[in-house]
């Protein structure tokens, strides 16, 4: 089994003075010994995004306005753990797919997990379920297949587990919101998730190709659109797709 490369750890900017062996030991808790496990696995972050941080994620080089938001939000994550500062939600949007929205959203999730871990070591309170990544398209596909197969099947069980994790995580990414048409059944569960997080005061990072002002038309529910907009800053990503350029 290949050993995880600690130079790719999300702790690398928080432990610059640590010796490699110590950094690796702590990184294993977050990444797993092979890079496929640990807290990032529990957070459902796609494997290809598990090494990005807001300090050096490549898409930010071509997104100067978004970088200003990300830099400030990264600072506020630190303040959240040390002073209790309440984080707002973010809505990453671009007309074109592939502009780096998901990469940066995951980088912020990674940062939240890293700071949660580091401040816990320093004696601050931390979260047992700090962050979770939810692909809205995949989640709806899981629901649709589960409904087709009937009560108690593995797909409905997975759908419910994902809902519980996304509801209880302190910071959640809902990726590709409003990209696909919503069925009535799925829309009710999405409303449960978004409304539950809003009522609990938990921030959410959304990514979408639909602008906030057009969200009602895509979601088909004015209450749901209003919940997304609550305490939420829209951050525009510009340009065309950069996929395949890494």
C-alpha atoms as a PDB file:
ATOM      1  CA  UNK A   1       0.000   0.000   0.000  1.00  0.00           C
ATOM      2  CA  UNK A   2       1.356   3.430  -0.982  1.00  0.00           C
ATOM      3  CA  UNK A   3       2.067   5.710   1.990  1.00  0.00           C
ATOM      4  CA  UNK A   4       0.415   9.109   2.000  1.00  0.00           C
ATOM      5  CA  UNK A   5       2.693  12.011   0.976  1.00  0.00           C
ATOM      6  CA  UNK A   6       2.521  14.494   3.857  1.00  0.00           C
ATOM      7  CA  UNK A   7       3.582  17.367   1.556  1.00  0.00           C
ATOM      8  CA  UNK A   8       0.033  17.086   0.171  1.00  0.00           C
ATOM      9  CA  UNK A   9      -1.543  17.314   3.626  1.00  0.00           C
ATOM     10  CA  UNK A  10      -4.139  19.984   4.329  1.00  0.00           C
ATOM     11  CA  UNK A  11      -2.142  20.635   7.522  1.00  0.00           C
ATOM     12  CA  UNK A  12       0.967  21.703   5.588  1.00  0.00           C
ATOM     13  CA  UNK A  13       0.340  25.441   6.033  1.00  0.00           C
ATOM     14  CA  UNK A  14      -0.507  25.036   9.716  1.00  0.00           C
ATOM     15  CA  UNK A  15       2.554  22.987  10.687  1.00  0.00           C
ATOM     16  CA  UNK A  16       5.440  24.477   8.721  1.00  0.00           C
ATOM     17  CA  UNK A  17       7.887  23.955  11.598  1.00  0.00           C
ATOM     18  CA  UNK A  18       6.857  20.353  12.295  1.00  0.00           C
ATOM     19  CA  UNK A  19       9.276  17.604  11.372  1.00  0.00           C
ATOM     20  CA  UNK A  20       8.077  15.335   8.503  1.00  0.00           C
ATOM     21  CA  UNK A  21       7.364  12.363  10.772  1.00  0.00           C
ATOM     22  CA  UNK A  22       5.146  14.416  13.091  1.00  0.00           C
ATOM     23  CA  UNK A  23       3.316  16.025  10.185  1.00  0.00           C
ATOM     24  CA  UNK A  24       2.689  12.605   8.658  1.00  0.00           C
ATOM     25  CA  UNK A  25       1.343  11.188  11.931  1.00  0.00           C
ATOM     26  CA  UNK A  26      -1.188  13.985  12.258  1.00  0.00           C
ATOM     27  CA  UNK A  27      -2.025  13.939   8.551  1.00  0.00           C
ATOM     28  CA  UNK A  28      -2.939  10.252   8.696  1.00  0.00           C
ATOM     29  CA  UNK A  29      -5.840  11.124  11.008  1.00  0.00           C
ATOM     30  CA  UNK A  30      -7.243  13.436   8.344  1.00  0.00           C
ATOM     31  CA  UNK A  31      -6.176  11.682   5.123  1.00  0.00           C
ATOM     32  CA  UNK A  32      -5.672   8.046   6.101  1.00  0.00           C
ATOM     33  CA  UNK A  33      -2.354   6.207   5.812  1.00  0.00           C
ATOM     34  CA  UNK A  34      -2.784   5.751   2.049  1.00  0.00           C
ATOM     35  CA  UNK A  35      -4.527   9.066   1.353  1.00  0.00           C
ATOM     36  CA  UNK A  36      -7.922   7.379   1.063  1.00  0.00           C
ATOM     37  CA  UNK A  37      -9.499   7.524   4.492  1.00  0.00           C
ATOM     38  CA  UNK A  38      -9.603   9.559   7.667  1.00  0.00           C
ATOM     39  CA  UNK A  39     -11.690  12.638   8.301  1.00  0.00           C
ATOM     40  CA  UNK A  40     -11.706  13.683   4.638  1.00  0.00           C
ATOM     41  CA  UNK A  41     -13.256  10.351   3.677  1.00  0.00           C
ATOM     42  CA  UNK A  42     -15.926  10.842   6.347  1.00  0.00           C
ATOM     43  CA  UNK A  43     -16.569  14.299   4.937  1.00  0.00           C
ATOM     44  CA  UNK A  44     -17.231  12.752   1.488  1.00  0.00           C
ATOM     45  CA  UNK A  45     -14.781  15.104  -0.222  1.00  0.00           C
ATOM     46  CA  UNK A  46     -13.924  13.761  -3.710  1.00  0.00           C
ATOM     47  CA  UNK A  47     -10.454  12.232  -3.682  1.00  0.00           C
ATOM     48  CA  UNK A  48      -9.025  14.536  -6.366  1.00  0.00           C
ATOM     49  CA  UNK A  49      -9.850  17.586  -4.213  1.00  0.00           C
ATOM     50  CA  UNK A  50      -8.486  16.400  -0.873  1.00  0.00           C
ATOM     51  CA  UNK A  51      -5.101  18.132  -1.079  1.00  0.00           C
ATOM     52  CA  UNK A  52      -6.270  21.637  -2.053  1.00  0.00           C
ATOM     53  CA  UNK A  53      -6.136  24.549   0.382  1.00  0.00           C
ATOM     54  CA  UNK A  54      -7.269  28.190   0.012  1.00  0.00           C
ATOM     55  CA  UNK A  55      -3.590  29.210   0.103  1.00  0.00           C
ATOM     56  CA  UNK A  56      -2.536  27.537  -3.115  1.00  0.00           C
ATOM     57  CA  UNK A  57      -5.545  26.165  -5.031  1.00  0.00           C
ATOM     58  CA  UNK A  58      -4.721  26.812  -8.735  1.00  0.00           C
ATOM     59  CA  UNK A  59      -8.123  28.215  -9.857  1.00  0.00           C
ATOM     60  CA  UNK A  60      -7.644  31.266  -7.644  1.00  0.00           C
ATOM     61  CA  UNK A  61      -4.855  32.482  -9.936  1.00  0.00           C
ATOM     62  CA  UNK A  62      -7.476  33.255 -12.607  1.00  0.00           C
ATOM     63  CA  UNK A  63     -10.215  34.446 -10.234  1.00  0.00           C
ATOM     64  CA  UNK A  64      -8.928  37.639  -8.516  1.00  0.00           C
ATOM     65  CA  UNK A  65     -12.344  38.805  -7.273  1.00  0.00           C
ATOM     66  CA  UNK A  66     -13.236  35.380  -5.917  1.00  0.00           C
ATOM     67  CA  UNK A  67      -9.797  35.213  -4.292  1.00  0.00           C
ATOM     68  CA  UNK A  68     -10.621  38.275  -2.186  1.00  0.00           C
ATOM     69  CA  UNK A  69     -13.700  36.511  -0.792  1.00  0.00           C
ATOM     70  CA  UNK A  70     -11.796  33.277  -0.241  1.00  0.00           C
ATOM     71  CA  UNK A  71      -8.886  34.985   1.548  1.00  0.00           C
ATOM     72  CA  UNK A  72     -11.279  36.782   3.887  1.00  0.00           C
ATOM     73  CA  UNK A  73     -13.365  33.666   4.478  1.00  0.00           C
ATOM     74  CA  UNK A  74     -10.228  31.685   5.306  1.00  0.00           C
ATOM     75  CA  UNK A  75      -9.372  34.271   7.945  1.00  0.00           C
ATOM     76  CA  UNK A  76     -12.917  34.114   9.331  1.00  0.00           C
ATOM     77  CA  UNK A  77     -12.702  30.322   9.634  1.00  0.00           C
ATOM     78  CA  UNK A  78      -9.833  30.834  12.074  1.00  0.00           C
ATOM     79  CA  UNK A  79     -11.864  33.422  13.975  1.00  0.00           C
ATOM     80  CA  UNK A  80     -14.838  31.067  14.088  1.00  0.00           C
ATOM     81  CA  UNK A  81     -12.824  28.575  16.128  1.00  0.00           C
ATOM     82  CA  UNK A  82     -11.061  31.075  18.379  1.00  0.00           C
ATOM     83  CA  UNK A  83     -13.733  33.755  18.945  1.00  0.00           C
ATOM     84  CA  UNK A  84     -16.982  32.069  17.875  1.00  0.00           C
ATOM     85  CA  UNK A  85     -17.445  34.311  14.817  1.00  0.00           C
ATOM     86  CA  UNK A  86     -20.501  33.177  12.840  1.00  0.00           C
ATOM     87  CA  UNK A  87     -19.738  32.304   9.240  1.00  0.00           C
ATOM     88  CA  UNK A  88     -22.079  33.335   6.426  1.00  0.00           C
ATOM     89  CA  UNK A  89     -23.032  31.099   3.545  1.00  0.00           C
ATOM     90  CA  UNK A  90     -21.410  31.487   0.122  1.00  0.00           C
ATOM     91  CA  UNK A  91     -22.877  31.007  -3.349  1.00  0.00           C
ATOM     92  CA  UNK A  92     -20.233  30.287  -6.001  1.00  0.00           C
ATOM     93  CA  UNK A  93     -21.661  30.860  -9.470  1.00  0.00           C
ATOM     94  CA  UNK A  94     -20.444  30.986 -13.065  1.00  0.00           C
ATOM     95  CA  UNK A  95     -22.192  30.857 -16.416  1.00  0.00           C
ATOM     96  CA  UNK A  96     -19.696  28.251 -17.580  1.00  0.00           C
ATOM     97  CA  UNK A  97     -18.864  24.970 -15.827  1.00  0.00           C
ATOM     98  CA  UNK A  98     -15.257  24.122 -15.005  1.00  0.00           C
ATOM     99  CA  UNK A  99     -14.198  27.524 -13.633  1.00  0.00           C
ATOM    100  CA  UNK A 100     -12.942  26.161 -10.317  1.00  0.00           C
ATOM    101  CA  UNK A 101     -16.014  26.558  -8.097  1.00  0.00           C
ATOM    102  CA  UNK A 102     -15.952  23.009  -6.753  1.00  0.00           C
ATOM    103  CA  UNK A 103     -12.181  23.058  -6.272  1.00  0.00           C
ATOM    104  CA  UNK A 104     -12.339  26.219  -4.162  1.00  0.00           C
ATOM    105  CA  UNK A 105     -15.394  25.038  -2.230  1.00  0.00           C
ATOM    106  CA  UNK A 106     -13.518  21.852  -1.323  1.00  0.00           C
ATOM    107  CA  UNK A 107     -10.419  23.861  -0.430  1.00  0.00           C
ATOM    108  CA  UNK A 108     -12.509  25.785   2.112  1.00  0.00           C
ATOM    109  CA  UNK A 109     -13.941  22.533   3.473  1.00  0.00           C
ATOM    110  CA  UNK A 110     -10.388  21.205   3.814  1.00  0.00           C
ATOM    111  CA  UNK A 111      -9.358  24.371   5.636  1.00  0.00           C
ATOM    112  CA  UNK A 112     -12.292  24.067   8.010  1.00  0.00           C
ATOM    113  CA  UNK A 113     -11.362  20.461   8.799  1.00  0.00           C
ATOM    114  CA  UNK A 114      -7.693  21.392   9.289  1.00  0.00           C
ATOM    115  CA  UNK A 115      -8.439  24.301  11.633  1.00  0.00           C
ATOM    116  CA  UNK A 116     -10.967  22.183  13.524  1.00  0.00           C
ATOM    117  CA  UNK A 117      -8.220  19.612  14.091  1.00  0.00           C
ATOM    118  CA  UNK A 118      -5.425  22.068  14.970  1.00  0.00           C
ATOM    119  CA  UNK A 119      -7.488  24.161  17.388  1.00  0.00           C
ATOM    120  CA  UNK A 120      -8.718  20.948  19.014  1.00  0.00           C
ATOM    121  CA  UNK A 121      -5.093  20.038  19.730  1.00  0.00           C
ATOM    122  CA  UNK A 122      -4.699  23.495  21.281  1.00  0.00           C
ATOM    123  CA  UNK A 123      -7.556  22.904  23.695  1.00  0.00           C
ATOM    124  CA  UNK A 124     -10.405  24.672  21.905  1.00  0.00           C
ATOM    125  CA  UNK A 125     -13.787  23.031  21.405  1.00  0.00           C
ATOM    126  CA  UNK A 126     -14.114  21.344  18.036  1.00  0.00           C
ATOM    127  CA  UNK A 127     -16.749  19.508  16.013  1.00  0.00           C
ATOM    128  CA  UNK A 128     -17.160  15.754  15.671  1.00  0.00           C
ATOM    129  CA  UNK A 129     -18.707  16.247  12.207  1.00  0.00           C
ATOM    130  CA  UNK A 130     -17.055  19.461  11.022  1.00  0.00           C
ATOM    131  CA  UNK A 131     -17.685  19.354   7.272  1.00  0.00           C
ATOM    132  CA  UNK A 132     -19.472  17.461   4.517  1.00  0.00           C
ATOM    133  CA  UNK A 133     -19.534  17.525   0.705  1.00  0.00           C
ATOM    134  CA  UNK A 134     -22.803  16.746  -1.065  1.00  0.00           C
ATOM    135  CA  UNK A 135     -23.099  16.466  -4.851  1.00  0.00           C
ATOM    136  CA  UNK A 136     -26.703  17.544  -5.493  1.00  0.00           C
ATOM    137  CA  UNK A 137     -26.931  15.700  -8.823  1.00  0.00           C
ATOM    138  CA  UNK A 138     -25.566  12.450  -7.407  1.00  0.00           C
ATOM    139  CA  UNK A 139     -27.802  12.795  -4.349  1.00  0.00           C
ATOM    140  CA  UNK A 140     -30.912  13.200  -6.508  1.00  0.00           C
ATOM    141  CA  UNK A 141     -29.891  10.231  -8.683  1.00  0.00           C
ATOM    142  CA  UNK A 142     -29.504   8.114  -5.534  1.00  0.00           C
ATOM    143  CA  UNK A 143     -32.967   9.192  -4.388  1.00  0.00           C
ATOM    144  CA  UNK A 144     -34.595   8.489  -7.766  1.00  0.00           C
ATOM    145  CA  UNK A 145     -33.066   5.020  -7.973  1.00  0.00           C
ATOM    146  CA  UNK A 146     -34.035   4.285  -4.378  1.00  0.00           C
ATOM    147  CA  UNK A 147     -37.655   5.275  -5.017  1.00  0.00           C
ATOM    148  CA  UNK A 148     -37.725   3.065  -8.106  1.00  0.00           C
ATOM    149  CA  UNK A 149     -36.435   0.028  -6.190  1.00  0.00           C
ATOM    150  CA  UNK A 150     -38.824   0.463  -3.244  1.00  0.00           C
ATOM    151  CA  UNK A 151     -38.676   0.647   0.558  1.00  0.00           C
ATOM    152  CA  UNK A 152     -35.569  -0.316   2.492  1.00  0.00           C
ATOM    153  CA  UNK A 153     -33.135  -0.676  -0.389  1.00  0.00           C
ATOM    154  CA  UNK A 154     -29.466   0.308  -0.142  1.00  0.00           C
ATOM    155  CA  UNK A 155     -29.899   3.466  -2.233  1.00  0.00           C
ATOM    156  CA  UNK A 156     -32.545   4.945   0.038  1.00  0.00           C
ATOM    157  CA  UNK A 157     -30.404   4.054   3.048  1.00  0.00           C
ATOM    158  CA  UNK A 158     -27.426   5.828   1.481  1.00  0.00           C
ATOM    159  CA  UNK A 159     -29.612   8.832   0.632  1.00  0.00           C
ATOM    160  CA  UNK A 160     -30.756   9.086   4.252  1.00  0.00           C
ATOM    161  CA  UNK A 161     -27.199   8.783   5.616  1.00  0.00           C
ATOM    162  CA  UNK A 162     -26.078  11.592   3.326  1.00  0.00           C
ATOM    163  CA  UNK A 163     -28.968  13.772   4.455  1.00  0.00           C
ATOM    164  CA  UNK A 164     -28.103  13.198   8.116  1.00  0.00           C
ATOM    165  CA  UNK A 165     -24.414  13.967   7.567  1.00  0.00           C
ATOM    166  CA  UNK A 166     -25.163  17.110   5.544  1.00  0.00           C
ATOM    167  CA  UNK A 167     -27.709  18.330   8.101  1.00  0.00           C
ATOM    168  CA  UNK A 168     -25.400  17.921  11.082  1.00  0.00           C
ATOM    169  CA  UNK A 169     -22.086  19.085   9.573  1.00  0.00           C
ATOM    170  CA  UNK A 170     -21.058  22.526  10.774  1.00  0.00           C
ATOM    171  CA  UNK A 171     -19.990  23.525   7.242  1.00  0.00           C
ATOM    172  CA  UNK A 172     -21.483  21.860   4.161  1.00  0.00           C
ATOM    173  CA  UNK A 173     -20.864  22.185   0.440  1.00  0.00           C
ATOM    174  CA  UNK A 174     -23.878  21.556  -1.788  1.00  0.00           C
ATOM    175  CA  UNK A 175     -22.328  21.179  -5.224  1.00  0.00           C
ATOM    176  CA  UNK A 176     -24.140  21.845  -8.529  1.00  0.00           C
ATOM    177  CA  UNK A 177     -27.341  23.185  -6.997  1.00  0.00           C
ATOM    178  CA  UNK A 178     -30.200  23.722  -9.470  1.00  0.00           C
ATOM    179  CA  UNK A 179     -28.250  22.271 -12.392  1.00  0.00           C
ATOM    180  CA  UNK A 180     -30.807  19.472 -12.943  1.00  0.00           C
ATOM    181  CA  UNK A 181     -34.597  19.667 -12.866  1.00  0.00           C
ATOM    182  CA  UNK A 182     -35.976  18.671  -9.454  1.00  0.00           C
ATOM    183  CA  UNK A 183     -38.688  16.105  -8.868  1.00  0.00           C
ATOM    184  CA  UNK A 184     -41.333  16.999  -6.284  1.00  0.00           C
ATOM    185  CA  UNK A 185     -40.217  14.225  -3.933  1.00  0.00           C
ATOM    186  CA  UNK A 186     -36.575  15.203  -4.051  1.00  0.00           C
ATOM    187  CA  UNK A 187     -37.382  18.917  -3.697  1.00  0.00           C
ATOM    188  CA  UNK A 188     -39.003  18.242  -0.306  1.00  0.00           C
ATOM    189  CA  UNK A 189     -35.847  16.573   0.985  1.00  0.00           C
ATOM    190  CA  UNK A 190     -33.652  19.355  -0.393  1.00  0.00           C
ATOM    191  CA  UNK A 191     -35.877  21.863   1.412  1.00  0.00           C
ATOM    192  CA  UNK A 192     -35.496  19.846   4.634  1.00  0.00           C
ATOM    193  CA  UNK A 193     -31.726  20.034   4.292  1.00  0.00           C
ATOM    194  CA  UNK A 194     -31.402  23.710   3.398  1.00  0.00           C
ATOM    195  CA  UNK A 195     -34.082  24.893   5.818  1.00  0.00           C
ATOM    196  CA  UNK A 196     -32.655  22.756   8.630  1.00  0.00           C
ATOM    197  CA  UNK A 197     -29.191  24.187   8.167  1.00  0.00           C
ATOM    198  CA  UNK A 198     -30.526  27.742   8.037  1.00  0.00           C
ATOM    199  CA  UNK A 199     -32.554  27.310  11.246  1.00  0.00           C
ATOM    200  CA  UNK A 200     -29.509  25.830  12.989  1.00  0.00           C
ATOM    201  CA  UNK A 201     -27.359  28.783  11.913  1.00  0.00           C
ATOM    202  CA  UNK A 202     -24.959  26.531   9.999  1.00  0.00           C
ATOM    203  CA  UNK A 203     -23.203  27.978   6.932  1.00  0.00           C
ATOM    204  CA  UNK A 204     -23.419  26.338   3.515  1.00  0.00           C
ATOM    205  CA  UNK A 205     -21.252  26.806   0.432  1.00  0.00           C
ATOM    206  CA  UNK A 206     -23.275  26.348  -2.750  1.00  0.00           C
ATOM    207  CA  UNK A 207     -21.914  25.968  -6.275  1.00  0.00           C
ATOM    208  CA  UNK A 208     -24.138  26.496  -9.282  1.00  0.00           C
ATOM    209  CA  UNK A 209     -24.330  27.696 -12.874  1.00  0.00           C
ATOM    210  CA  UNK A 210     -27.560  29.543 -12.006  1.00  0.00           C
ATOM    211  CA  UNK A 211     -27.390  33.092 -10.613  1.00  0.00           C
ATOM    212  CA  UNK A 212     -29.119  33.751  -7.297  1.00  0.00           C
ATOM    213  CA  UNK A 213     -31.650  36.071  -8.943  1.00  0.00           C
ATOM    214  CA  UNK A 214     -32.711  33.209 -11.269  1.00  0.00           C
ATOM    215  CA  UNK A 215     -32.829  30.520  -8.604  1.00  0.00           C
ATOM    216  CA  UNK A 216     -36.617  30.532  -8.184  1.00  0.00           C
ATOM    217  CA  UNK A 217     -37.117  29.480 -11.813  1.00  0.00           C
ATOM    218  CA  UNK A 218     -34.669  26.602 -11.436  1.00  0.00           C
ATOM    219  CA  UNK A 219     -35.813  25.320  -8.032  1.00  0.00           C
ATOM    220  CA  UNK A 220     -39.533  25.844  -8.617  1.00  0.00           C
ATOM    221  CA  UNK A 221     -40.102  26.827  -4.981  1.00  0.00           C
ATOM    222  CA  UNK A 222     -39.929  30.398  -3.719  1.00  0.00           C
ATOM    223  CA  UNK A 223     -39.474  29.297  -0.097  1.00  0.00           C
ATOM    224  CA  UNK A 224     -36.495  27.135  -1.024  1.00  0.00           C
ATOM    225  CA  UNK A 225     -34.917  29.907  -3.074  1.00  0.00           C
ATOM    226  CA  UNK A 226     -35.344  32.316  -0.139  1.00  0.00           C
ATOM    227  CA  UNK A 227     -33.673  29.842   2.224  1.00  0.00           C
ATOM    228  CA  UNK A 228     -30.637  29.637  -0.055  1.00  0.00           C
ATOM    229  CA  UNK A 229     -30.378  33.427  -0.233  1.00  0.00           C
ATOM    230  CA  UNK A 230     -30.546  33.892   3.551  1.00  0.00           C
ATOM    231  CA  UNK A 231     -27.249  35.231   4.977  1.00  0.00           C
ATOM    232  CA  UNK A 232     -25.539  34.279   1.707  1.00  0.00           C
ATOM    233  CA  UNK A 233     -22.898  36.158  -0.317  1.00  0.00           C
ATOM    234  CA  UNK A 234     -22.823  35.545  -4.073  1.00  0.00           C
ATOM    235  CA  UNK A 235     -19.313  35.066  -5.478  1.00  0.00           C
ATOM    236  CA  UNK A 236     -18.921  35.131  -9.260  1.00  0.00           C
ATOM    237  CA  UNK A 237     -16.368  32.984 -11.078  1.00  0.00           C
ATOM    238  CA  UNK A 238     -15.475  34.190 -14.563  1.00  0.00           C
ATOM    239  CA  UNK A 239     -14.068  32.762 -17.782  1.00  0.00           C
ATOM    240  CA  UNK A 240     -14.442  29.418 -19.503  1.00  0.00           C
ATOM    241  CA  UNK A 241     -13.751  25.863 -18.426  1.00  0.00           C
ATOM    242  CA  UNK A 242     -10.264  25.069 -17.154  1.00  0.00           C
ATOM    243  CA  UNK A 243     -10.837  21.331 -16.915  1.00  0.00           C
ATOM    244  CA  UNK A 244      -8.020  19.281 -18.347  1.00  0.00           C
ATOM    245  CA  UNK A 245      -5.534  22.115 -17.794  1.00  0.00           C
ATOM    246  CA  UNK A 246      -4.225  20.989 -14.387  1.00  0.00           C
END
